[in-house]
């Protein structure tokens, strides 16, 4: 999976002008949202059972916005780290998020002070 991330990141780097316009400008918010929706659908298809939980929308939103913003920062910083390293960062951060389930006790509104 991490190799796939690296291929995608290299594609972004090779097409930096296009992705700089599509990902780094407010006028292209619809495109950015489309990418996030596509990735979310893909994640839901490869990790069955996650789409049934109410809190999953927030987990997906956090992951998608976080990953997109990491890529935007990478573009804005003129690709200052190697695509392999960035792929590792994205891969490991997403795995940590998915590996730590949110328990019902932690999400209960009764525990909010």
PDB file of N, CA and C in Angstrom:
ATOM      1  N   UNK A   1       0.828  -1.197   0.000  1.00  0.00           N
ATOM      2  CA  UNK A   1       0.000   0.000   0.000  1.00  0.00           C
ATOM      3  C   UNK A   1       0.871   1.259   0.000  1.00  0.00           C
ATOM      4  N   UNK A   2       1.938   1.252   0.802  1.00  0.00           N
ATOM      5  CA  UNK A   2       2.774   2.447   0.870  1.00  0.00           C
ATOM      6  C   UNK A   2       3.407   2.741  -0.487  1.00  0.00           C
ATOM      7  N   UNK A   3       3.731   1.690  -1.250  1.00  0.00           N
ATOM      8  CA  UNK A   3       4.303   1.876  -2.579  1.00  0.00           C
ATOM      9  C   UNK A   3       3.316   2.610  -3.484  1.00  0.00           C
ATOM     10  N   UNK A   4       2.029   2.315  -3.343  1.00  0.00           N
ATOM     11  CA  UNK A   4       0.994   3.004  -4.114  1.00  0.00           C
ATOM     12  C   UNK A   4       0.970   4.487  -3.770  1.00  0.00           C
ATOM     13  N   UNK A   5       1.102   4.818  -2.498  1.00  0.00           N
ATOM     14  CA  UNK A   5       1.163   6.224  -2.086  1.00  0.00           C
ATOM     15  C   UNK A   5       2.341   6.920  -2.760  1.00  0.00           C
ATOM     16  N   UNK A   6       3.484   6.238  -2.759  1.00  0.00           N
ATOM     17  CA  UNK A   6       4.681   6.840  -3.342  1.00  0.00           C
ATOM     18  C   UNK A   6       4.502   7.078  -4.842  1.00  0.00           C
ATOM     19  N   UNK A   7       3.895   6.136  -5.540  1.00  0.00           N
ATOM     20  CA  UNK A   7       3.632   6.314  -6.975  1.00  0.00           C
ATOM     21  C   UNK A   7       2.743   7.529  -7.194  1.00  0.00           C
ATOM     22  N   UNK A   8       1.691   7.654  -6.391  1.00  0.00           N
ATOM     23  CA  UNK A   8       0.781   8.795  -6.516  1.00  0.00           C
ATOM     24  C   UNK A   8       1.510  10.103  -6.217  1.00  0.00           C
ATOM     25  N   UNK A   9       2.327  10.117  -5.183  1.00  0.00           N
ATOM     26  CA  UNK A   9       3.077  11.328  -4.836  1.00  0.00           C
ATOM     27  C   UNK A   9       4.066  11.704  -5.942  1.00  0.00           C
ATOM     28  N   UNK A  10       4.701  10.711  -6.547  1.00  0.00           N
ATOM     29  CA  UNK A  10       5.600  10.995  -7.672  1.00  0.00           C
ATOM     30  C   UNK A  10       4.825  11.571  -8.853  1.00  0.00           C
ATOM     31  N   UNK A  11       3.614  11.069  -9.067  1.00  0.00           N
ATOM     32  CA  UNK A  11       2.763  11.603 -10.136  1.00  0.00           C
ATOM     33  C   UNK A  11       2.432  13.073  -9.859  1.00  0.00           C
ATOM     34  N   UNK A  12       2.113  13.377  -8.612  1.00  0.00           N
ATOM     35  CA  UNK A  12       1.838  14.771  -8.231  1.00  0.00           C
ATOM     36  C   UNK A  12       3.071  15.633  -8.491  1.00  0.00           C
ATOM     37  N   UNK A  13       4.231  15.145  -8.075  1.00  0.00           N
ATOM     38  CA  UNK A  13       5.470  15.911  -8.254  1.00  0.00           C
ATOM     39  C   UNK A  13       5.785  16.114  -9.734  1.00  0.00           C
ATOM     40  N   UNK A  14       5.589  15.071 -10.534  1.00  0.00           N
ATOM     41  CA  UNK A  14       5.848  15.169 -11.977  1.00  0.00           C
ATOM     42  C   UNK A  14       4.886  16.127 -12.668  1.00  0.00           C
ATOM     43  N   UNK A  15       3.729  16.338 -12.071  1.00  0.00           N
ATOM     44  CA  UNK A  15       2.705  17.230 -12.628  1.00  0.00           C
ATOM     45  C   UNK A  15       2.438  18.379 -11.664  1.00  0.00           C
ATOM     46  N   UNK A  16       3.517  18.952 -11.139  1.00  0.00           N
ATOM     47  CA  UNK A  16       3.416  19.933 -10.059  1.00  0.00           C
ATOM     48  C   UNK A  16       2.617  21.173 -10.430  1.00  0.00           C
ATOM     49  N   UNK A  17       2.685  21.619 -11.657  1.00  0.00           N
ATOM     50  CA  UNK A  17       1.923  22.810 -12.046  1.00  0.00           C
ATOM     51  C   UNK A  17       0.430  22.535 -11.961  1.00  0.00           C
ATOM     52  N   UNK A  18       0.012  21.419 -12.524  1.00  0.00           N
ATOM     53  CA  UNK A  18      -1.408  21.056 -12.508  1.00  0.00           C
ATOM     54  C   UNK A  18      -1.910  20.868 -11.086  1.00  0.00           C
ATOM     55  N   UNK A  19      -1.183  20.081 -10.290  1.00  0.00           N
ATOM     56  CA  UNK A  19      -1.634  19.825  -8.925  1.00  0.00           C
ATOM     57  C   UNK A  19      -1.495  21.052  -8.042  1.00  0.00           C
ATOM     58  N   UNK A  20      -0.539  21.915  -8.338  1.00  0.00           N
ATOM     59  CA  UNK A  20      -0.432  23.173  -7.607  1.00  0.00           C
ATOM     60  C   UNK A  20      -1.685  24.012  -7.780  1.00  0.00           C
ATOM     61  N   UNK A  21      -2.209  24.011  -8.994  1.00  0.00           N
ATOM     62  CA  UNK A  21      -3.451  24.746  -9.263  1.00  0.00           C
ATOM     63  C   UNK A  21      -4.644  24.029  -8.640  1.00  0.00           C
ATOM     64  N   UNK A  22      -4.732  22.717  -8.834  1.00  0.00           N
ATOM     65  CA  UNK A  22      -5.908  21.972  -8.380  1.00  0.00           C
ATOM     66  C   UNK A  22      -6.007  21.827  -6.865  1.00  0.00           C
ATOM     67  N   UNK A  23      -4.880  21.739  -6.187  1.00  0.00           N
ATOM     68  CA  UNK A  23      -4.913  21.482  -4.746  1.00  0.00           C
ATOM     69  C   UNK A  23      -4.593  22.691  -3.876  1.00  0.00           C
ATOM     70  N   UNK A  24      -3.953  23.680  -4.426  1.00  0.00           N
ATOM     71  CA  UNK A  24      -3.444  24.773  -3.591  1.00  0.00           C
ATOM     72  C   UNK A  24      -4.202  26.080  -3.752  1.00  0.00           C
ATOM     73  N   UNK A  25      -5.286  26.080  -4.487  1.00  0.00           N
ATOM     74  CA  UNK A  25      -6.035  27.317  -4.674  1.00  0.00           C
ATOM     75  C   UNK A  25      -7.473  27.134  -4.207  1.00  0.00           C
ATOM     76  N   UNK A  26      -7.985  28.139  -3.521  1.00  0.00           N
ATOM     77  CA  UNK A  26      -9.344  28.072  -2.969  1.00  0.00           C
ATOM     78  C   UNK A  26     -10.405  27.886  -4.055  1.00  0.00           C
ATOM     79  N   UNK A  27     -10.146  28.389  -5.257  1.00  0.00           N
ATOM     80  CA  UNK A  27     -11.129  28.303  -6.333  1.00  0.00           C
ATOM     81  C   UNK A  27     -11.386  26.864  -6.771  1.00  0.00           C
ATOM     82  N   UNK A  28     -10.519  25.938  -6.385  1.00  0.00           N
ATOM     83  CA  UNK A  28     -10.658  24.545  -6.809  1.00  0.00           C
ATOM     84  C   UNK A  28     -11.146  23.649  -5.668  1.00  0.00           C
ATOM     85  N   UNK A  29     -11.886  24.220  -4.746  1.00  0.00           N
ATOM     86  CA  UNK A  29     -12.388  23.459  -3.594  1.00  0.00           C
ATOM     87  C   UNK A  29     -13.231  22.258  -4.036  1.00  0.00           C
ATOM     88  N   UNK A  30     -14.022  22.406  -5.086  1.00  0.00           N
ATOM     89  CA  UNK A  30     -14.863  21.299  -5.559  1.00  0.00           C
ATOM     90  C   UNK A  30     -14.000  20.119  -6.009  1.00  0.00           C
ATOM     91  N   UNK A  31     -12.890  20.395  -6.666  1.00  0.00           N
ATOM     92  CA  UNK A  31     -11.976  19.333  -7.078  1.00  0.00           C
ATOM     93  C   UNK A  31     -11.387  18.638  -5.855  1.00  0.00           C
ATOM     94  N   UNK A  32     -10.967  19.429  -4.873  1.00  0.00           N
ATOM     95  CA  UNK A  32     -10.396  18.877  -3.649  1.00  0.00           C
ATOM     96  C   UNK A  32     -11.409  17.986  -2.937  1.00  0.00           C
ATOM     97  N   UNK A  33     -12.652  18.442  -2.864  1.00  0.00           N
ATOM     98  CA  UNK A  33     -13.704  17.658  -2.220  1.00  0.00           C
ATOM     99  C   UNK A  33     -13.956  16.369  -2.994  1.00  0.00           C
ATOM    100  N   UNK A  34     -13.895  16.444  -4.314  1.00  0.00           N
ATOM    101  CA  UNK A  34     -14.065  15.250  -5.144  1.00  0.00           C
ATOM    102  C   UNK A  34     -12.992  14.214  -4.881  1.00  0.00           C
ATOM    103  N   UNK A  35     -11.759  14.660  -4.732  1.00  0.00           N
ATOM    104  CA  UNK A  35     -10.665  13.736  -4.407  1.00  0.00           C
ATOM    105  C   UNK A  35     -10.925  13.076  -3.058  1.00  0.00           C
ATOM    106  N   UNK A  36     -11.299  13.878  -2.071  1.00  0.00           N
ATOM    107  CA  UNK A  36     -11.546  13.324  -0.735  1.00  0.00           C
ATOM    108  C   UNK A  36     -12.693  12.318  -0.762  1.00  0.00           C
ATOM    109  N   UNK A  37     -13.739  12.600  -1.509  1.00  0.00           N
ATOM    110  CA  UNK A  37     -14.867  11.669  -1.607  1.00  0.00           C
ATOM    111  C   UNK A  37     -14.447  10.366  -2.282  1.00  0.00           C
ATOM    112  N   UNK A  38     -13.622  10.459  -3.326  1.00  0.00           N
ATOM    113  CA  UNK A  38     -13.148   9.259  -4.019  1.00  0.00           C
ATOM    114  C   UNK A  38     -12.288   8.398  -3.108  1.00  0.00           C
ATOM    115  N   UNK A  39     -11.391   9.033  -2.380  1.00  0.00           N
ATOM    116  CA  UNK A  39     -10.519   8.289  -1.471  1.00  0.00           C
ATOM    117  C   UNK A  39     -11.337   7.667  -0.345  1.00  0.00           C
ATOM    118  N   UNK A  40     -12.310   8.400   0.178  1.00  0.00           N
ATOM    119  CA  UNK A  40     -13.157   7.865   1.241  1.00  0.00           C
ATOM    120  C   UNK A  40     -13.911   6.637   0.749  1.00  0.00           C
ATOM    121  N   UNK A  41     -14.453   6.688  -0.446  1.00  0.00           N
ATOM    122  CA  UNK A  41     -15.165   5.533  -1.007  1.00  0.00           C
ATOM    123  C   UNK A  41     -14.232   4.340  -1.148  1.00  0.00           C
ATOM    124  N   UNK A  42     -13.007   4.606  -1.589  1.00  0.00           N
ATOM    125  CA  UNK A  42     -12.025   3.533  -1.734  1.00  0.00           C
ATOM    126  C   UNK A  42     -11.699   2.915  -0.374  1.00  0.00           C
ATOM    127  N   UNK A  43     -11.462   3.743   0.626  1.00  0.00           N
ATOM    128  CA  UNK A  43     -11.144   3.236   1.966  1.00  0.00           C
ATOM    129  C   UNK A  43     -12.297   2.398   2.501  1.00  0.00           C
ATOM    130  N   UNK A  44     -13.514   2.876   2.319  1.00  0.00           N
ATOM    131  CA  UNK A  44     -14.672   2.127   2.799  1.00  0.00           C
ATOM    132  C   UNK A  44     -14.790   0.784   2.092  1.00  0.00           C
ATOM    133  N   UNK A  45     -14.371   0.707   0.834  1.00  0.00           N
ATOM    134  CA  UNK A  45     -14.471  -0.553   0.097  1.00  0.00           C
ATOM    135  C   UNK A  45     -13.409  -1.562   0.526  1.00  0.00           C
ATOM    136  N   UNK A  46     -12.238  -1.087   0.971  1.00  0.00           N
ATOM    137  CA  UNK A  46     -11.181  -2.027   1.362  1.00  0.00           C
ATOM    138  C   UNK A  46     -11.193  -2.348   2.851  1.00  0.00           C
ATOM    139  N   UNK A  47     -11.933  -1.567   3.639  1.00  0.00           N
ATOM    140  CA  UNK A  47     -12.036  -1.831   5.075  1.00  0.00           C
ATOM    141  C   UNK A  47     -13.518  -1.996   5.400  1.00  0.00           C
ATOM    142  N   UNK A  48     -14.043  -3.195   5.169  1.00  0.00           N
ATOM    143  CA  UNK A  48     -15.479  -3.398   5.388  1.00  0.00           C
ATOM    144  C   UNK A  48     -15.870  -3.227   6.848  1.00  0.00           C
ATOM    145  N   UNK A  49     -17.079  -2.750   7.063  1.00  0.00           N
ATOM    146  CA  UNK A  49     -17.615  -2.604   8.405  1.00  0.00           C
ATOM    147  C   UNK A  49     -17.409  -1.239   9.012  1.00  0.00           C
ATOM    148  N   UNK A  50     -16.516  -0.442   8.465  1.00  0.00           N
ATOM    149  CA  UNK A  50     -16.261   0.868   9.044  1.00  0.00           C
ATOM    150  C   UNK A  50     -17.370   1.861   8.749  1.00  0.00           C
ATOM    151  N   UNK A  51     -18.030   1.705   7.627  1.00  0.00           N
ATOM    152  CA  UNK A  51     -19.017   2.704   7.215  1.00  0.00           C
ATOM    153  C   UNK A  51     -20.293   2.668   8.051  1.00  0.00           C
ATOM    154  N   UNK A  52     -20.454   1.651   8.905  1.00  0.00           N
ATOM    155  CA  UNK A  52     -21.671   1.533   9.699  1.00  0.00           C
ATOM    156  C   UNK A  52     -21.656   2.393  10.960  1.00  0.00           C
ATOM    157  N   UNK A  53     -20.521   2.858  11.395  1.00  0.00           N
ATOM    158  CA  UNK A  53     -20.419   3.594  12.648  1.00  0.00           C
ATOM    159  C   UNK A  53     -20.581   5.088  12.413  1.00  0.00           C
ATOM    160  N   UNK A  54     -21.300   5.728  13.294  1.00  0.00           N
ATOM    161  CA  UNK A  54     -21.547   7.166  13.188  1.00  0.00           C
ATOM    162  C   UNK A  54     -20.253   7.968  13.227  1.00  0.00           C
ATOM    163  N   UNK A  55     -19.331   7.597  14.102  1.00  0.00           N
ATOM    164  CA  UNK A  55     -18.104   8.382  14.245  1.00  0.00           C
ATOM    165  C   UNK A  55     -17.157   8.237  13.058  1.00  0.00           C
ATOM    166  N   UNK A  56     -17.417   7.253  12.196  1.00  0.00           N
ATOM    167  CA  UNK A  56     -16.526   7.046  11.058  1.00  0.00           C
ATOM    168  C   UNK A  56     -16.472   8.262  10.146  1.00  0.00           C
ATOM    169  N   UNK A  57     -17.565   9.003  10.019  1.00  0.00           N
ATOM    170  CA  UNK A  57     -17.538  10.194   9.160  1.00  0.00           C
ATOM    171  C   UNK A  57     -16.477  11.171   9.645  1.00  0.00           C
ATOM    172  N   UNK A  58     -16.291  11.273  10.954  1.00  0.00           N
ATOM    173  CA  UNK A  58     -15.295  12.186  11.499  1.00  0.00           C
ATOM    174  C   UNK A  58     -13.882  11.646  11.314  1.00  0.00           C
ATOM    175  N   UNK A  59     -13.730  10.335  11.439  1.00  0.00           N
ATOM    176  CA  UNK A  59     -12.425   9.720  11.221  1.00  0.00           C
ATOM    177  C   UNK A  59     -12.005   9.903   9.768  1.00  0.00           C
ATOM    178  N   UNK A  60     -12.918   9.615   8.839  1.00  0.00           N
ATOM    179  CA  UNK A  60     -12.608   9.797   7.418  1.00  0.00           C
ATOM    180  C   UNK A  60     -12.302  11.255   7.104  1.00  0.00           C
ATOM    181  N   UNK A  61     -13.095  12.151   7.647  1.00  0.00           N
ATOM    182  CA  UNK A  61     -12.880  13.575   7.398  1.00  0.00           C
ATOM    183  C   UNK A  61     -11.497  14.003   7.887  1.00  0.00           C
ATOM    184  N   UNK A  62     -11.132  13.558   9.077  1.00  0.00           N
ATOM    185  CA  UNK A  62      -9.821  13.886   9.635  1.00  0.00           C
ATOM    186  C   UNK A  62      -8.705  13.335   8.754  1.00  0.00           C
ATOM    187  N   UNK A  63      -8.842  12.080   8.347  1.00  0.00           N
ATOM    188  CA  UNK A  63      -7.818  11.460   7.511  1.00  0.00           C
ATOM    189  C   UNK A  63      -7.706  12.154   6.156  1.00  0.00           C
ATOM    190  N   UNK A  64      -8.840  12.416   5.524  1.00  0.00           N
ATOM    191  CA  UNK A  64      -8.821  13.004   4.187  1.00  0.00           C
ATOM    192  C   UNK A  64      -8.279  14.429   4.206  1.00  0.00           C
ATOM    193  N   UNK A  65      -8.775  15.248   5.131  1.00  0.00           N
ATOM    194  CA  UNK A  65      -8.286  16.622   5.211  1.00  0.00           C
ATOM    195  C   UNK A  65      -6.809  16.648   5.604  1.00  0.00           C
ATOM    196  N   UNK A  66      -6.440  15.773   6.526  1.00  0.00           N
ATOM    197  CA  UNK A  66      -5.046  15.712   6.948  1.00  0.00           C
ATOM    198  C   UNK A  66      -4.119  15.311   5.815  1.00  0.00           C
ATOM    199  N   UNK A  67      -4.474  14.255   5.098  1.00  0.00           N
ATOM    200  CA  UNK A  67      -3.635  13.798   3.983  1.00  0.00           C
ATOM    201  C   UNK A  67      -3.567  14.843   2.881  1.00  0.00           C
ATOM    202  N   UNK A  68      -4.701  15.432   2.557  1.00  0.00           N
ATOM    203  CA  UNK A  68      -4.712  16.456   1.515  1.00  0.00           C
ATOM    204  C   UNK A  68      -3.839  17.641   1.917  1.00  0.00           C
ATOM    205  N   UNK A  69      -3.932  18.055   3.167  1.00  0.00           N
ATOM    206  CA  UNK A  69      -3.131  19.197   3.615  1.00  0.00           C
ATOM    207  C   UNK A  69      -1.642  18.879   3.702  1.00  0.00           C
ATOM    208  N   UNK A  70      -1.299  17.640   4.015  1.00  0.00           N
ATOM    209  CA  UNK A  70       0.110  17.233   3.971  1.00  0.00           C
ATOM    210  C   UNK A  70       0.635  17.388   2.549  1.00  0.00           C
ATOM    211  N   UNK A  71      -0.152  16.945   1.574  1.00  0.00           N
ATOM    212  CA  UNK A  71       0.261  17.044   0.170  1.00  0.00           C
ATOM    213  C   UNK A  71       0.337  18.502  -0.273  1.00  0.00           C
ATOM    214  N   UNK A  72      -0.635  19.310   0.131  1.00  0.00           N
ATOM    215  CA  UNK A  72      -0.609  20.744  -0.204  1.00  0.00           C
ATOM    216  C   UNK A  72       0.639  21.400   0.393  1.00  0.00           C
ATOM    217  N   UNK A  73       0.949  21.099   1.644  1.00  0.00           N
ATOM    218  CA  UNK A  73       2.161  21.651   2.266  1.00  0.00           C
ATOM    219  C   UNK A  73       3.411  21.210   1.509  1.00  0.00           C
ATOM    220  N   UNK A  74       3.429  19.959   1.095  1.00  0.00           N
ATOM    221  CA  UNK A  74       4.565  19.412   0.344  1.00  0.00           C
ATOM    222  C   UNK A  74       4.747  20.171  -0.976  1.00  0.00           C
ATOM    223  N   UNK A  75       3.646  20.419  -1.675  1.00  0.00           N
ATOM    224  CA  UNK A  75       3.702  21.194  -2.922  1.00  0.00           C
ATOM    225  C   UNK A  75       4.190  22.609  -2.632  1.00  0.00           C
ATOM    226  N   UNK A  76       3.584  23.251  -1.631  1.00  0.00           N
ATOM    227  CA  UNK A  76       3.951  24.634  -1.298  1.00  0.00           C
ATOM    228  C   UNK A  76       5.399  24.771  -0.825  1.00  0.00           C
ATOM    229  N   UNK A  77       5.947  23.699  -0.259  1.00  0.00           N
ATOM    230  CA  UNK A  77       7.347  23.703   0.182  1.00  0.00           C
ATOM    231  C   UNK A  77       8.284  23.159  -0.895  1.00  0.00           C
ATOM    232  N   UNK A  78       7.799  23.154  -2.125  1.00  0.00           N
ATOM    233  CA  UNK A  78       8.581  22.738  -3.295  1.00  0.00           C
ATOM    234  C   UNK A  78       9.163  21.332  -3.136  1.00  0.00           C
ATOM    235  N   UNK A  79       8.337  20.414  -2.611  1.00  0.00           N
ATOM    236  CA  UNK A  79       8.693  18.998  -2.521  1.00  0.00           C
ATOM    237  C   UNK A  79      10.004  18.807  -1.753  1.00  0.00           C
ATOM    238  N   UNK A  80      10.066  19.412  -0.568  1.00  0.00           N
ATOM    239  CA  UNK A  80      11.311  19.463   0.202  1.00  0.00           C
ATOM    240  C   UNK A  80      11.716  18.151   0.866  1.00  0.00           C
ATOM    241  N   UNK A  81      10.846  17.143   0.848  1.00  0.00           N
ATOM    242  CA  UNK A  81      11.262  15.807   1.293  1.00  0.00           C
ATOM    243  C   UNK A  81      10.932  14.817   0.181  1.00  0.00           C
ATOM    244  N   UNK A  82      11.629  13.705   0.193  1.00  0.00           N
ATOM    245  CA  UNK A  82      11.456  12.696  -0.852  1.00  0.00           C
ATOM    246  C   UNK A  82      10.055  12.088  -0.777  1.00  0.00           C
ATOM    247  N   UNK A  83       9.516  11.742  -1.924  1.00  0.00           N
ATOM    248  CA  UNK A  83       8.164  11.171  -1.976  1.00  0.00           C
ATOM    249  C   UNK A  83       8.059   9.886  -1.161  1.00  0.00           C
ATOM    250  N   UNK A  84       9.127   9.102  -1.098  1.00  0.00           N
ATOM    251  CA  UNK A  84       9.104   7.873  -0.299  1.00  0.00           C
ATOM    252  C   UNK A  84       8.899   8.190   1.181  1.00  0.00           C
ATOM    253  N   UNK A  85       9.595   9.210   1.680  1.00  0.00           N
ATOM    254  CA  UNK A  85       9.461   9.600   3.088  1.00  0.00           C
ATOM    255  C   UNK A  85       8.054  10.117   3.373  1.00  0.00           C
ATOM    256  N   UNK A  86       7.512  10.934   2.460  1.00  0.00           N
ATOM    257  CA  UNK A  86       6.156  11.446   2.658  1.00  0.00           C
ATOM    258  C   UNK A  86       5.139  10.307   2.617  1.00  0.00           C
ATOM    259  N   UNK A  87       5.352   9.340   1.731  1.00  0.00           N
ATOM    260  CA  UNK A  87       4.468   8.172   1.673  1.00  0.00           C
ATOM    261  C   UNK A  87       4.501   7.414   3.001  1.00  0.00           C
ATOM    262  N   UNK A  88       5.690   7.275   3.587  1.00  0.00           N
ATOM    263  CA  UNK A  88       5.811   6.628   4.899  1.00  0.00           C
ATOM    264  C   UNK A  88       5.029   7.386   5.962  1.00  0.00           C
ATOM    265  N   UNK A  89       5.151   8.705   5.960  1.00  0.00           N
ATOM    266  CA  UNK A  89       4.443   9.527   6.948  1.00  0.00           C
ATOM    267  C   UNK A  89       2.938   9.326   6.819  1.00  0.00           C
ATOM    268  N   UNK A  90       2.421   9.460   5.612  1.00  0.00           N
ATOM    269  CA  UNK A  90       0.976   9.312   5.386  1.00  0.00           C
ATOM    270  C   UNK A  90       0.519   7.913   5.772  1.00  0.00           C
ATOM    271  N   UNK A  91       1.252   6.905   5.342  1.00  0.00           N
ATOM    272  CA  UNK A  91       0.897   5.518   5.629  1.00  0.00           C
ATOM    273  C   UNK A  91       0.839   5.257   7.132  1.00  0.00           C
ATOM    274  N   UNK A  92       1.862   5.674   7.844  1.00  0.00           N
ATOM    275  CA  UNK A  92       1.923   5.402   9.284  1.00  0.00           C
ATOM    276  C   UNK A  92       0.888   6.206  10.070  1.00  0.00           C
ATOM    277  N   UNK A  93       0.682   7.451   9.711  1.00  0.00           N
ATOM    278  CA  UNK A  93      -0.325   8.259  10.411  1.00  0.00           C
ATOM    279  C   UNK A  93      -1.716   7.660  10.210  1.00  0.00           C
ATOM    280  N   UNK A  94      -2.042   7.284   8.991  1.00  0.00           N
ATOM    281  CA  UNK A  94      -3.363   6.694   8.730  1.00  0.00           C
ATOM    282  C   UNK A  94      -3.530   5.365   9.454  1.00  0.00           C
ATOM    283  N   UNK A  95      -2.480   4.557   9.500  1.00  0.00           N
ATOM    284  CA  UNK A  95      -2.574   3.281  10.207  1.00  0.00           C
ATOM    285  C   UNK A  95      -2.767   3.471  11.701  1.00  0.00           C
ATOM    286  N   UNK A  96      -2.134   4.473  12.284  1.00  0.00           N
ATOM    287  CA  UNK A  96      -2.331   4.756  13.711  1.00  0.00           C
ATOM    288  C   UNK A  96      -3.782   5.154  13.960  1.00  0.00           C
ATOM    289  N   UNK A  97      -4.320   5.999  13.099  1.00  0.00           N
ATOM    290  CA  UNK A  97      -5.710   6.436  13.260  1.00  0.00           C
ATOM    291  C   UNK A  97      -6.657   5.245  13.178  1.00  0.00           C
ATOM    292  N   UNK A  98      -6.448   4.364  12.203  1.00  0.00           N
ATOM    293  CA  UNK A  98      -7.340   3.220  12.026  1.00  0.00           C
ATOM    294  C   UNK A  98      -7.125   2.144  13.078  1.00  0.00           C
ATOM    295  N   UNK A  99      -5.941   2.075  13.665  1.00  0.00           N
ATOM    296  CA  UNK A  99      -5.635   1.035  14.646  1.00  0.00           C
ATOM    297  C   UNK A  99      -6.164   1.349  16.033  1.00  0.00           C
ATOM    298  N   UNK A 100      -6.495   2.588  16.296  1.00  0.00           N
ATOM    299  CA  UNK A 100      -6.954   3.002  17.620  1.00  0.00           C
ATOM    300  C   UNK A 100      -8.453   3.268  17.597  1.00  0.00           C
ATOM    301  N   UNK A 101      -9.258   2.239  17.854  1.00  0.00           N
ATOM    302  CA  UNK A 101     -10.707   2.460  17.827  1.00  0.00           C
ATOM    303  C   UNK A 101     -11.160   3.389  18.946  1.00  0.00           C
ATOM    304  N   UNK A 102     -12.173   4.151  18.649  1.00  0.00           N
ATOM    305  CA  UNK A 102     -12.764   5.044  19.641  1.00  0.00           C
ATOM    306  C   UNK A 102     -13.805   4.233  20.395  1.00  0.00           C
ATOM    307  N   UNK A 103     -13.640   4.122  21.716  1.00  0.00           N
ATOM    308  CA  UNK A 103     -14.593   3.330  22.493  1.00  0.00           C
ATOM    309  C   UNK A 103     -15.860   4.133  22.740  1.00  0.00           C
ATOM    310  N   UNK A 104     -16.951   3.426  23.023  1.00  0.00           N
ATOM    311  CA  UNK A 104     -18.226   4.090  23.302  1.00  0.00           C
ATOM    312  C   UNK A 104     -18.127   5.000  24.521  1.00  0.00           C
ATOM    313  N   UNK A 105     -17.343   4.595  25.512  1.00  0.00           N
ATOM    314  CA  UNK A 105     -17.202   5.417  26.718  1.00  0.00           C
ATOM    315  C   UNK A 105     -16.524   6.745  26.402  1.00  0.00           C
ATOM    316  N   UNK A 106     -15.579   6.716  25.482  1.00  0.00           N
ATOM    317  CA  UNK A 106     -14.867   7.945  25.129  1.00  0.00           C
ATOM    318  C   UNK A 106     -15.732   8.894  24.319  1.00  0.00           C
ATOM    319  N   UNK A 107     -16.733   8.361  23.612  1.00  0.00           N
ATOM    320  CA  UNK A 107     -17.554   9.204  22.748  1.00  0.00           C
ATOM    321  C   UNK A 107     -18.884   9.577  23.374  1.00  0.00           C
ATOM    322  N   UNK A 108     -19.156   9.055  24.539  1.00  0.00           N
ATOM    323  CA  UNK A 108     -20.434   9.332  25.189  1.00  0.00           C
ATOM    324  C   UNK A 108     -20.550  10.799  25.573  1.00  0.00           C
ATOM    325  N   UNK A 109     -21.695  11.390  25.280  1.00  0.00           N
ATOM    326  CA  UNK A 109     -21.905  12.794  25.645  1.00  0.00           C
ATOM    327  C   UNK A 109     -22.034  12.955  27.153  1.00  0.00           C
ATOM    328  N   UNK A 110     -22.287  11.880  27.866  1.00  0.00           N
ATOM    329  CA  UNK A 110     -22.389  11.956  29.321  1.00  0.00           C
ATOM    330  C   UNK A 110     -21.032  12.265  29.952  1.00  0.00           C
ATOM    331  N   UNK A 111     -19.956  11.943  29.238  1.00  0.00           N
ATOM    332  CA  UNK A 111     -18.617  12.179  29.768  1.00  0.00           C
ATOM    333  C   UNK A 111     -18.099  13.574  29.467  1.00  0.00           C
ATOM    334  N   UNK A 112     -18.849  14.364  28.749  1.00  0.00           N
ATOM    335  CA  UNK A 112     -18.413  15.720  28.407  1.00  0.00           C
ATOM    336  C   UNK A 112     -18.660  16.631  29.597  1.00  0.00           C
ATOM    337  N   UNK A 113     -17.642  17.376  29.978  1.00  0.00           N
ATOM    338  CA  UNK A 113     -17.762  18.258  31.146  1.00  0.00           C
ATOM    339  C   UNK A 113     -17.912  19.680  30.721  1.00  0.00           C
TER     340      UNK A 113
END
